[in-house]
């Protein structure tokens, strides 16, 4: 198998949440856990999401729609584009893809003048591929759908309308994006 890792250790082509050999060895060394009747949940219902950062905001997107994480590359602007979130088009594996700024769409403060996004999330849903620049990719997080907590209605953040709920990740709450709604809204704004 070809080595798909960048020198910084980030795996760029995602295999829909496959466990690495190191993780498998680590899990095999854990002591067995005793379950009592009623304690066992259906682990096949676990979901997974790719956790990433834009500015200071941590978000997650279902691994079912994430095709790959690519390195930064040139984005070519589109003439007469009225949607501020549409940055332009770029080449992903020989095809031109629309690049959308989630920072602009969600009105996330990106700290003013800073370097361009380090990574590009390539996502596909219902036949449409979109690319989202992000500052950092933390990795895949598994969660149980029942563990999603509701998004507080008191938040005035624009990302909340595109959020399915909050997942716990490393002691913080991360907004799990509703990819159906996100792609629907972006498709409508581009037509």
N, C-alpha and C. Protein backbone atom coordinates (compact mmCIF):
# COMPACT_ATOMS: atom_id res chain seq x y z
N UNK A 1 0.85 -1.18 0.00
CA UNK A 1 0.00 0.00 0.00
C UNK A 1 0.89 1.24 0.00
N UNK A 2 0.55 2.21 -0.78
CA UNK A 2 1.34 3.44 -0.89
C UNK A 2 1.22 4.24 0.40
N UNK A 3 2.29 4.93 0.72
CA UNK A 3 2.30 5.76 1.92
C UNK A 3 1.61 7.07 1.59
N UNK A 4 0.44 7.32 2.18
CA UNK A 4 -0.35 8.51 1.91
C UNK A 4 -0.14 9.59 2.95
N UNK A 5 0.92 9.49 3.74
CA UNK A 5 1.12 10.45 4.81
C UNK A 5 2.04 11.56 4.37
N UNK A 6 1.69 12.76 4.77
CA UNK A 6 2.51 13.94 4.56
C UNK A 6 3.59 13.92 5.65
N UNK A 7 4.69 14.58 5.45
CA UNK A 7 5.75 14.59 6.48
C UNK A 7 5.27 15.02 7.86
N UNK A 8 4.20 15.81 7.95
CA UNK A 8 3.71 16.23 9.27
C UNK A 8 2.86 15.15 9.93
N UNK A 9 2.70 13.98 9.27
CA UNK A 9 1.99 12.86 9.88
C UNK A 9 0.51 12.83 9.61
N UNK A 10 -0.03 13.78 8.86
CA UNK A 10 -1.46 13.83 8.59
C UNK A 10 -1.77 12.89 7.44
N UNK A 11 -2.74 12.03 7.62
CA UNK A 11 -3.17 11.13 6.56
C UNK A 11 -4.09 11.91 5.63
N UNK A 12 -3.72 12.02 4.35
CA UNK A 12 -4.46 12.89 3.46
C UNK A 12 -5.60 12.20 2.72
N UNK A 13 -5.54 10.93 2.50
CA UNK A 13 -6.66 10.25 1.87
C UNK A 13 -7.34 9.44 2.95
N UNK A 14 -8.59 9.78 3.23
CA UNK A 14 -9.30 9.12 4.31
C UNK A 14 -9.96 7.85 3.80
N UNK A 15 -9.94 6.84 4.63
CA UNK A 15 -10.56 5.58 4.28
C UNK A 15 -11.79 5.37 5.14
N UNK A 16 -12.60 6.42 5.27
CA UNK A 16 -13.88 6.36 5.99
C UNK A 16 -13.74 5.81 7.41
N UNK A 17 -12.77 6.12 8.15
CA UNK A 17 -12.57 5.71 9.53
C UNK A 17 -12.06 4.28 9.60
N UNK A 18 -10.90 4.05 9.14
CA UNK A 18 -10.29 2.74 9.31
C UNK A 18 -9.26 2.86 10.42
N UNK A 19 -9.17 1.84 11.25
CA UNK A 19 -8.23 1.87 12.37
C UNK A 19 -6.82 1.61 11.86
N UNK A 20 -5.87 2.34 12.37
CA UNK A 20 -4.49 2.12 11.99
C UNK A 20 -3.97 0.88 12.70
N UNK A 21 -2.86 0.36 12.21
CA UNK A 21 -2.27 -0.83 12.82
C UNK A 21 -1.88 -0.53 14.27
N UNK A 22 -1.33 0.65 14.51
CA UNK A 22 -0.92 1.00 15.88
C UNK A 22 -2.12 1.03 16.81
N UNK A 23 -3.24 1.60 16.37
CA UNK A 23 -4.44 1.64 17.18
C UNK A 23 -4.96 0.24 17.44
N UNK A 24 -4.92 -0.61 16.43
CA UNK A 24 -5.37 -1.99 16.60
C UNK A 24 -4.52 -2.73 17.62
N UNK A 25 -3.20 -2.53 17.56
CA UNK A 25 -2.31 -3.17 18.55
C UNK A 25 -2.61 -2.64 19.95
N UNK A 26 -2.82 -1.33 20.05
CA UNK A 26 -3.11 -0.71 21.35
C UNK A 26 -4.41 -1.27 21.93
N UNK A 27 -5.42 -1.38 21.11
CA UNK A 27 -6.71 -1.90 21.57
C UNK A 27 -6.61 -3.37 21.98
N UNK A 28 -5.77 -4.13 21.29
CA UNK A 28 -5.61 -5.55 21.62
C UNK A 28 -4.95 -5.74 22.97
N UNK A 29 -4.18 -4.76 23.44
CA UNK A 29 -3.49 -4.88 24.72
C UNK A 29 -4.34 -4.43 25.91
N UNK A 30 -5.50 -3.83 25.64
CA UNK A 30 -6.37 -3.39 26.72
C UNK A 30 -7.01 -4.59 27.40
N UNK A 31 -7.21 -4.54 28.73
CA UNK A 31 -7.86 -5.67 29.42
C UNK A 31 -9.32 -5.78 29.00
N UNK A 32 -9.86 -7.01 29.03
CA UNK A 32 -11.26 -7.17 28.66
C UNK A 32 -12.17 -6.43 29.64
N UNK A 33 -13.28 -5.93 29.14
CA UNK A 33 -14.23 -5.20 29.96
C UNK A 33 -15.43 -6.09 30.23
N UNK A 34 -15.83 -6.16 31.48
CA UNK A 34 -17.00 -6.96 31.84
C UNK A 34 -18.25 -6.11 31.72
N UNK A 35 -19.22 -6.59 30.96
CA UNK A 35 -20.47 -5.88 30.78
C UNK A 35 -21.58 -6.61 31.52
N UNK A 36 -22.49 -5.84 32.07
CA UNK A 36 -23.68 -6.42 32.66
C UNK A 36 -24.81 -6.26 31.67
N UNK A 37 -25.81 -7.09 31.80
CA UNK A 37 -26.95 -7.02 30.89
C UNK A 37 -27.54 -5.61 30.94
N UNK A 38 -27.81 -5.04 29.81
CA UNK A 38 -28.37 -3.69 29.73
C UNK A 38 -27.30 -2.63 29.55
N UNK A 39 -26.03 -2.97 29.84
CA UNK A 39 -24.94 -2.01 29.68
C UNK A 39 -24.44 -1.92 28.26
N UNK A 40 -24.64 -2.97 27.50
CA UNK A 40 -24.08 -3.04 26.16
C UNK A 40 -24.96 -2.25 25.20
N UNK A 41 -24.35 -1.34 24.49
CA UNK A 41 -25.08 -0.60 23.46
C UNK A 41 -24.65 -1.15 22.10
N UNK A 42 -25.42 -0.89 21.13
CA UNK A 42 -25.13 -1.36 19.78
C UNK A 42 -24.01 -0.52 19.19
N UNK A 43 -22.78 -1.06 19.22
CA UNK A 43 -21.62 -0.31 18.76
C UNK A 43 -21.62 -0.11 17.25
N UNK A 44 -22.42 -0.87 16.54
CA UNK A 44 -22.49 -0.68 15.09
C UNK A 44 -23.21 0.62 14.76
N UNK A 45 -23.88 1.22 15.73
CA UNK A 45 -24.58 2.48 15.50
C UNK A 45 -23.69 3.68 15.77
N UNK A 46 -22.44 3.45 16.14
CA UNK A 46 -21.51 4.57 16.34
C UNK A 46 -21.29 5.30 15.03
N UNK A 47 -21.14 6.59 15.12
CA UNK A 47 -20.86 7.43 13.97
C UNK A 47 -19.46 8.01 14.15
N UNK A 48 -18.96 8.61 13.11
CA UNK A 48 -17.65 9.24 13.19
C UNK A 48 -17.66 10.55 12.42
N UNK A 49 -16.78 11.43 12.84
CA UNK A 49 -16.68 12.75 12.21
C UNK A 49 -15.22 13.18 12.22
N UNK A 50 -14.87 13.97 11.22
CA UNK A 50 -13.53 14.54 11.15
C UNK A 50 -13.56 15.88 11.89
N UNK A 51 -12.72 16.03 12.89
CA UNK A 51 -12.66 17.25 13.71
C UNK A 51 -11.61 18.18 13.11
N UNK A 52 -11.99 19.45 12.94
CA UNK A 52 -11.08 20.42 12.35
C UNK A 52 -11.30 21.79 12.98
N UNK A 53 -10.34 22.68 12.74
CA UNK A 53 -10.41 24.03 13.32
C UNK A 53 -10.38 25.07 12.21
N UNK A 54 -11.24 26.09 12.37
CA UNK A 54 -11.23 27.28 11.51
C UNK A 54 -11.13 28.45 12.47
N UNK A 55 -10.06 29.21 12.37
CA UNK A 55 -9.84 30.29 13.34
C UNK A 55 -9.73 29.66 14.72
N UNK A 56 -10.55 30.11 15.65
CA UNK A 56 -10.57 29.56 17.00
C UNK A 56 -11.70 28.56 17.19
N UNK A 57 -12.48 28.31 16.14
CA UNK A 57 -13.67 27.47 16.23
C UNK A 57 -13.36 26.02 15.83
N UNK A 58 -13.74 25.07 16.70
CA UNK A 58 -13.59 23.65 16.41
C UNK A 58 -14.92 23.12 15.90
N UNK A 59 -14.88 22.44 14.76
CA UNK A 59 -16.08 21.89 14.13
C UNK A 59 -15.80 20.45 13.72
N UNK A 60 -16.85 19.74 13.33
CA UNK A 60 -16.70 18.37 12.86
C UNK A 60 -17.65 18.14 11.69
N UNK A 61 -17.24 17.28 10.77
CA UNK A 61 -18.03 16.93 9.61
C UNK A 61 -18.02 15.42 9.48
N UNK A 62 -19.16 14.84 9.21
CA UNK A 62 -19.28 13.39 9.11
C UNK A 62 -18.25 12.82 8.15
N UNK A 63 -17.60 11.72 8.56
CA UNK A 63 -16.62 11.08 7.69
C UNK A 63 -17.28 10.45 6.48
N UNK A 64 -18.59 10.28 6.52
CA UNK A 64 -19.30 9.75 5.37
C UNK A 64 -19.28 10.67 4.16
N UNK A 65 -19.02 11.95 4.37
CA UNK A 65 -18.98 12.89 3.25
C UNK A 65 -17.57 13.40 2.96
N UNK A 66 -16.62 13.17 3.86
CA UNK A 66 -15.25 13.64 3.65
C UNK A 66 -14.51 12.62 2.79
N UNK A 67 -14.03 13.06 1.63
CA UNK A 67 -13.28 12.18 0.74
C UNK A 67 -11.80 12.19 1.04
N UNK A 68 -11.26 13.38 1.30
CA UNK A 68 -9.83 13.47 1.58
C UNK A 68 -9.51 14.82 2.22
N UNK A 69 -8.30 14.88 2.77
CA UNK A 69 -7.74 16.13 3.26
C UNK A 69 -6.53 16.41 2.38
N UNK A 70 -6.55 17.52 1.68
CA UNK A 70 -5.48 17.87 0.75
C UNK A 70 -4.69 19.06 1.29
N UNK A 71 -3.50 19.21 0.78
CA UNK A 71 -2.68 20.36 1.14
C UNK A 71 -3.17 21.61 0.43
N UNK A 72 -2.77 22.75 0.94
CA UNK A 72 -3.18 24.04 0.35
C UNK A 72 -2.68 24.15 -1.08
N UNK A 73 -3.46 24.80 -1.92
CA UNK A 73 -3.10 25.04 -3.32
C UNK A 73 -3.79 26.30 -3.81
N UNK A 74 -3.45 26.71 -5.00
CA UNK A 74 -3.98 27.96 -5.56
C UNK A 74 -5.49 27.85 -5.81
N UNK A 75 -6.19 28.91 -5.39
CA UNK A 75 -7.63 29.01 -5.63
C UNK A 75 -7.82 30.11 -6.68
N UNK A 76 -8.55 29.78 -7.73
CA UNK A 76 -8.79 30.72 -8.82
C UNK A 76 -10.18 31.32 -8.67
N UNK A 77 -10.23 32.65 -8.63
CA UNK A 77 -11.50 33.34 -8.39
C UNK A 77 -12.46 33.16 -9.56
N UNK A 78 -13.74 33.29 -9.24
CA UNK A 78 -14.80 33.22 -10.25
C UNK A 78 -15.32 34.63 -10.50
N UNK A 79 -15.39 35.05 -11.75
CA UNK A 79 -15.91 36.40 -12.03
C UNK A 79 -17.40 36.48 -11.72
N UNK A 80 -17.83 37.64 -11.29
CA UNK A 80 -19.23 37.95 -11.04
C UNK A 80 -19.86 37.08 -9.94
N UNK A 81 -19.05 36.57 -9.04
CA UNK A 81 -19.56 35.75 -7.95
C UNK A 81 -20.04 36.66 -6.82
N UNK A 82 -21.30 36.55 -6.44
CA UNK A 82 -21.86 37.43 -5.41
C UNK A 82 -21.80 36.84 -4.01
N UNK A 83 -21.69 35.54 -3.91
CA UNK A 83 -21.65 34.88 -2.60
C UNK A 83 -20.25 35.02 -2.01
N UNK A 84 -20.13 35.74 -0.89
CA UNK A 84 -18.84 35.96 -0.23
C UNK A 84 -18.15 34.67 0.18
N UNK A 85 -18.92 33.64 0.48
CA UNK A 85 -18.35 32.38 0.95
C UNK A 85 -17.67 31.59 -0.16
N UNK A 86 -18.05 31.84 -1.42
CA UNK A 86 -17.44 31.12 -2.54
C UNK A 86 -16.11 31.79 -2.87
N UNK A 87 -15.02 31.07 -2.62
CA UNK A 87 -13.69 31.62 -2.86
C UNK A 87 -13.26 31.49 -4.31
N UNK A 88 -13.76 30.45 -4.99
CA UNK A 88 -13.38 30.22 -6.37
C UNK A 88 -13.34 28.73 -6.65
N UNK A 89 -12.48 28.34 -7.59
CA UNK A 89 -12.32 26.93 -7.95
C UNK A 89 -10.86 26.54 -7.80
N UNK A 90 -10.64 25.26 -7.61
CA UNK A 90 -9.28 24.74 -7.55
C UNK A 90 -9.26 23.33 -8.11
N UNK A 91 -8.06 22.86 -8.39
CA UNK A 91 -7.87 21.55 -9.00
C UNK A 91 -7.69 20.50 -7.91
N UNK A 92 -8.58 19.52 -7.89
CA UNK A 92 -8.45 18.38 -7.00
C UNK A 92 -8.45 17.13 -7.87
N UNK A 93 -7.32 16.47 -7.93
CA UNK A 93 -7.16 15.23 -8.71
C UNK A 93 -7.62 15.38 -10.16
N UNK A 94 -7.28 16.49 -10.76
CA UNK A 94 -7.58 16.72 -12.16
C UNK A 94 -8.94 17.30 -12.46
N UNK A 95 -9.76 17.53 -11.43
CA UNK A 95 -11.08 18.13 -11.64
C UNK A 95 -11.20 19.47 -10.94
N UNK A 96 -11.91 20.40 -11.55
CA UNK A 96 -12.14 21.70 -10.93
C UNK A 96 -13.26 21.56 -9.91
N UNK A 97 -13.00 22.02 -8.69
CA UNK A 97 -13.97 21.94 -7.59
C UNK A 97 -14.20 23.32 -7.01
N UNK A 98 -15.41 23.56 -6.56
CA UNK A 98 -15.76 24.84 -5.93
C UNK A 98 -15.21 24.86 -4.52
N UNK A 99 -14.55 25.96 -4.17
CA UNK A 99 -13.96 26.13 -2.85
C UNK A 99 -14.82 27.11 -2.05
N UNK A 100 -15.26 26.69 -0.87
CA UNK A 100 -16.18 27.47 -0.03
C UNK A 100 -15.51 27.77 1.30
N UNK A 101 -15.54 29.02 1.70
CA UNK A 101 -14.99 29.42 3.00
C UNK A 101 -16.06 29.26 4.08
N UNK A 102 -15.87 28.26 4.94
CA UNK A 102 -16.78 28.11 6.07
C UNK A 102 -16.60 29.26 7.06
N UNK A 103 -15.40 29.81 7.11
CA UNK A 103 -15.15 30.97 7.99
C UNK A 103 -16.05 32.14 7.61
N UNK A 104 -16.16 32.40 6.32
CA UNK A 104 -17.04 33.49 5.86
C UNK A 104 -18.51 33.12 6.01
N UNK A 105 -18.85 31.89 5.65
CA UNK A 105 -20.24 31.44 5.74
C UNK A 105 -20.74 31.50 7.19
N UNK A 106 -19.90 31.07 8.12
CA UNK A 106 -20.29 31.02 9.54
C UNK A 106 -19.90 32.27 10.30
N UNK A 107 -19.30 33.24 9.61
CA UNK A 107 -18.86 34.50 10.21
C UNK A 107 -17.92 34.24 11.39
N UNK A 108 -16.94 33.38 11.15
CA UNK A 108 -15.94 33.05 12.17
C UNK A 108 -14.80 34.03 12.03
N UNK A 109 -14.41 34.63 13.14
CA UNK A 109 -13.29 35.57 13.14
C UNK A 109 -12.02 34.78 12.91
N UNK A 110 -11.33 35.09 11.82
CA UNK A 110 -10.11 34.36 11.49
C UNK A 110 -8.85 35.08 11.96
N UNK A 111 -9.01 36.08 12.80
CA UNK A 111 -7.86 36.77 13.37
C UNK A 111 -7.23 37.79 12.44
N UNK A 112 -7.93 38.24 11.43
CA UNK A 112 -7.40 39.26 10.52
C UNK A 112 -6.38 38.69 9.57
N UNK A 113 -5.27 39.41 9.41
CA UNK A 113 -4.24 39.00 8.46
C UNK A 113 -3.47 37.82 9.02
N UNK A 114 -3.63 36.68 8.39
CA UNK A 114 -2.91 35.48 8.80
C UNK A 114 -2.63 34.66 7.56
N UNK A 115 -1.77 33.65 7.67
CA UNK A 115 -1.48 32.83 6.49
C UNK A 115 -2.72 32.08 6.02
N UNK A 116 -2.68 31.69 4.76
CA UNK A 116 -3.81 30.94 4.18
C UNK A 116 -4.00 29.62 4.92
N UNK A 117 -5.19 29.04 4.77
CA UNK A 117 -5.51 27.77 5.41
C UNK A 117 -4.47 26.72 5.02
N UNK A 118 -4.16 25.87 5.98
CA UNK A 118 -3.14 24.86 5.77
C UNK A 118 -3.65 23.61 5.07
N UNK A 119 -4.95 23.33 5.21
CA UNK A 119 -5.51 22.10 4.67
C UNK A 119 -6.82 22.39 3.93
N UNK A 120 -7.18 21.48 3.05
CA UNK A 120 -8.44 21.57 2.32
C UNK A 120 -9.22 20.29 2.56
N UNK A 121 -10.45 20.42 3.07
CA UNK A 121 -11.33 19.26 3.22
C UNK A 121 -12.10 19.11 1.92
N UNK A 122 -11.99 17.95 1.31
CA UNK A 122 -12.73 17.66 0.08
C UNK A 122 -13.91 16.78 0.50
N UNK A 123 -15.12 17.34 0.33
CA UNK A 123 -16.33 16.64 0.78
C UNK A 123 -17.27 16.43 -0.39
N UNK A 124 -17.94 15.27 -0.37
CA UNK A 124 -18.88 14.95 -1.44
C UNK A 124 -20.19 14.49 -0.82
N UNK A 125 -21.29 15.09 -1.32
CA UNK A 125 -22.62 14.72 -0.83
C UNK A 125 -23.59 14.79 -2.00
N UNK A 126 -24.31 13.70 -2.20
CA UNK A 126 -25.30 13.60 -3.27
C UNK A 126 -24.73 14.04 -4.62
N UNK A 127 -23.53 13.57 -4.93
CA UNK A 127 -22.92 13.81 -6.23
C UNK A 127 -22.20 15.13 -6.38
N UNK A 128 -22.26 16.01 -5.41
CA UNK A 128 -21.57 17.29 -5.52
C UNK A 128 -20.35 17.30 -4.61
N UNK A 129 -19.22 17.75 -5.16
CA UNK A 129 -17.99 17.85 -4.39
C UNK A 129 -17.69 19.31 -4.11
N UNK A 130 -17.44 19.63 -2.85
CA UNK A 130 -17.04 20.97 -2.43
C UNK A 130 -15.76 20.86 -1.63
N UNK A 131 -14.99 21.94 -1.62
CA UNK A 131 -13.73 21.98 -0.90
C UNK A 131 -13.80 23.10 0.13
N UNK A 132 -13.39 22.79 1.38
CA UNK A 132 -13.44 23.75 2.47
C UNK A 132 -12.03 23.95 3.04
N UNK A 133 -11.47 25.16 2.97
CA UNK A 133 -10.18 25.43 3.61
C UNK A 133 -10.33 25.43 5.13
N UNK A 134 -9.40 24.78 5.82
CA UNK A 134 -9.40 24.75 7.28
C UNK A 134 -7.98 24.99 7.78
N UNK A 135 -7.86 25.45 9.00
CA UNK A 135 -6.56 25.76 9.57
C UNK A 135 -5.86 24.54 10.14
N UNK A 136 -6.63 23.62 10.71
CA UNK A 136 -6.03 22.45 11.36
C UNK A 136 -7.00 21.28 11.27
N UNK A 137 -6.46 20.09 11.07
CA UNK A 137 -7.26 18.86 11.09
C UNK A 137 -6.77 18.03 12.26
N UNK A 138 -7.67 17.76 13.21
CA UNK A 138 -7.29 17.03 14.42
C UNK A 138 -7.39 15.53 14.23
N UNK A 139 -8.31 15.06 13.41
CA UNK A 139 -8.46 13.63 13.19
C UNK A 139 -9.90 13.20 13.29
N UNK A 140 -10.09 11.89 13.25
CA UNK A 140 -11.43 11.30 13.27
C UNK A 140 -11.85 11.04 14.72
N UNK A 141 -13.08 11.39 15.02
CA UNK A 141 -13.65 11.18 16.36
C UNK A 141 -14.90 10.32 16.24
N UNK A 142 -14.95 9.23 17.00
CA UNK A 142 -16.14 8.37 17.00
C UNK A 142 -17.06 8.83 18.14
N UNK A 143 -18.34 8.83 17.87
CA UNK A 143 -19.32 9.24 18.87
C UNK A 143 -20.59 8.42 18.66
N UNK A 144 -21.39 8.35 19.68
CA UNK A 144 -22.68 7.67 19.57
C UNK A 144 -23.73 8.75 19.34
N UNK A 145 -24.60 8.54 18.38
CA UNK A 145 -25.59 9.54 17.99
C UNK A 145 -26.40 10.04 19.18
N UNK A 146 -26.65 9.15 20.14
CA UNK A 146 -27.42 9.54 21.32
C UNK A 146 -26.64 10.47 22.24
N UNK A 147 -25.31 10.55 22.05
CA UNK A 147 -24.47 11.42 22.88
C UNK A 147 -24.43 12.86 22.38
N UNK A 148 -25.07 13.13 21.23
CA UNK A 148 -25.12 14.50 20.72
C UNK A 148 -25.93 15.36 21.67
N UNK A 149 -25.37 16.49 22.04
CA UNK A 149 -26.14 17.42 22.86
C UNK A 149 -26.65 18.54 21.98
N UNK A 150 -27.75 19.12 22.39
CA UNK A 150 -28.39 20.17 21.60
C UNK A 150 -27.51 21.42 21.55
N UNK A 151 -27.60 22.12 20.44
CA UNK A 151 -26.88 23.38 20.30
C UNK A 151 -27.64 24.45 21.07
N UNK A 152 -26.96 25.19 21.95
CA UNK A 152 -27.65 26.21 22.73
C UNK A 152 -28.30 27.26 21.83
N UNK A 153 -29.53 27.60 22.11
CA UNK A 153 -30.25 28.60 21.32
C UNK A 153 -29.76 30.01 21.61
N UNK A 154 -29.00 30.16 22.68
CA UNK A 154 -28.50 31.49 23.05
C UNK A 154 -27.32 31.93 22.21
N UNK A 155 -26.70 31.00 21.47
CA UNK A 155 -25.56 31.36 20.65
C UNK A 155 -26.01 32.17 19.44
N UNK A 156 -25.33 33.24 19.17
CA UNK A 156 -25.67 34.07 18.02
C UNK A 156 -24.77 33.72 16.83
N UNK A 157 -23.98 32.70 16.99
CA UNK A 157 -23.02 32.31 15.96
C UNK A 157 -23.75 31.78 14.74
N UNK A 158 -23.32 32.19 13.55
CA UNK A 158 -23.97 31.77 12.31
C UNK A 158 -23.83 30.27 12.06
N UNK A 159 -22.82 29.62 12.64
CA UNK A 159 -22.62 28.18 12.43
C UNK A 159 -23.70 27.35 13.09
N UNK A 160 -24.38 27.90 14.08
CA UNK A 160 -25.37 27.10 14.82
C UNK A 160 -26.52 26.65 13.94
N UNK A 161 -26.89 27.42 12.93
CA UNK A 161 -27.99 27.00 12.07
C UNK A 161 -27.60 25.81 11.20
N UNK A 162 -26.31 25.55 11.04
CA UNK A 162 -25.84 24.41 10.25
C UNK A 162 -25.33 23.27 11.13
N UNK A 163 -25.59 23.34 12.42
CA UNK A 163 -25.08 22.36 13.36
C UNK A 163 -26.16 21.39 13.81
N UNK A 164 -25.85 20.09 13.72
CA UNK A 164 -26.77 19.04 14.18
C UNK A 164 -26.80 18.95 15.69
N UNK A 165 -25.66 19.20 16.30
CA UNK A 165 -25.54 19.11 17.74
C UNK A 165 -24.08 19.25 18.14
N UNK A 166 -23.82 19.07 19.41
CA UNK A 166 -22.46 19.18 19.93
C UNK A 166 -21.98 17.81 20.37
N UNK A 167 -20.72 17.50 20.05
CA UNK A 167 -20.10 16.27 20.52
C UNK A 167 -18.97 16.64 21.46
N UNK A 168 -18.73 15.77 22.43
CA UNK A 168 -17.61 15.96 23.35
C UNK A 168 -16.35 15.42 22.70
N UNK A 169 -15.33 16.27 22.65
CA UNK A 169 -14.05 15.87 22.07
C UNK A 169 -12.94 16.52 22.88
N UNK A 170 -12.14 15.68 23.52
CA UNK A 170 -10.99 16.15 24.31
C UNK A 170 -11.35 17.26 25.29
N UNK A 171 -12.46 17.09 25.97
CA UNK A 171 -12.87 18.04 27.00
C UNK A 171 -13.52 19.31 26.49
N UNK A 172 -13.82 19.38 25.23
CA UNK A 172 -14.50 20.57 24.70
C UNK A 172 -15.67 20.13 23.85
N UNK A 173 -16.58 21.07 23.65
CA UNK A 173 -17.76 20.82 22.80
C UNK A 173 -17.41 21.24 21.38
N UNK A 174 -17.68 20.36 20.44
CA UNK A 174 -17.40 20.60 19.03
C UNK A 174 -18.71 20.55 18.27
N UNK A 175 -18.94 21.54 17.42
CA UNK A 175 -20.16 21.59 16.62
C UNK A 175 -20.11 20.60 15.46
N UNK A 176 -21.02 19.62 15.47
CA UNK A 176 -21.12 18.65 14.39
C UNK A 176 -22.01 19.25 13.30
N UNK A 177 -21.43 19.51 12.14
CA UNK A 177 -22.17 20.15 11.06
C UNK A 177 -23.19 19.20 10.44
N UNK A 178 -24.32 19.75 10.08
CA UNK A 178 -25.37 19.02 9.37
C UNK A 178 -25.04 19.11 7.88
N UNK A 179 -24.41 18.08 7.34
CA UNK A 179 -23.95 18.15 5.96
C UNK A 179 -25.10 18.24 4.97
N UNK A 180 -26.25 17.64 5.28
CA UNK A 180 -27.41 17.76 4.38
C UNK A 180 -27.81 19.23 4.23
N UNK A 181 -27.96 19.92 5.34
CA UNK A 181 -28.35 21.32 5.33
C UNK A 181 -27.27 22.20 4.72
N UNK A 182 -26.02 21.93 5.05
CA UNK A 182 -24.90 22.72 4.54
C UNK A 182 -24.83 22.65 3.01
N UNK A 183 -24.87 21.45 2.46
CA UNK A 183 -24.81 21.30 1.00
C UNK A 183 -26.06 21.88 0.34
N UNK A 184 -27.21 21.69 0.96
CA UNK A 184 -28.45 22.25 0.41
C UNK A 184 -28.37 23.77 0.32
N UNK A 185 -27.96 24.40 1.41
CA UNK A 185 -27.87 25.87 1.45
C UNK A 185 -26.83 26.38 0.46
N UNK A 186 -25.70 25.70 0.35
CA UNK A 186 -24.68 26.14 -0.59
C UNK A 186 -25.14 25.95 -2.03
N UNK A 187 -25.82 24.85 -2.31
CA UNK A 187 -26.35 24.63 -3.67
C UNK A 187 -27.34 25.73 -4.06
N UNK A 188 -28.21 26.10 -3.14
CA UNK A 188 -29.19 27.16 -3.42
C UNK A 188 -28.51 28.51 -3.64
N UNK A 189 -27.46 28.78 -2.87
CA UNK A 189 -26.80 30.08 -3.00
C UNK A 189 -25.97 30.19 -4.27
N UNK A 190 -25.60 29.04 -4.87
CA UNK A 190 -24.77 29.07 -6.08
C UNK A 190 -25.62 29.10 -7.36
N UNK A 191 -26.92 28.90 -7.25
CA UNK A 191 -27.75 28.87 -8.46
C UNK A 191 -28.33 30.23 -8.76
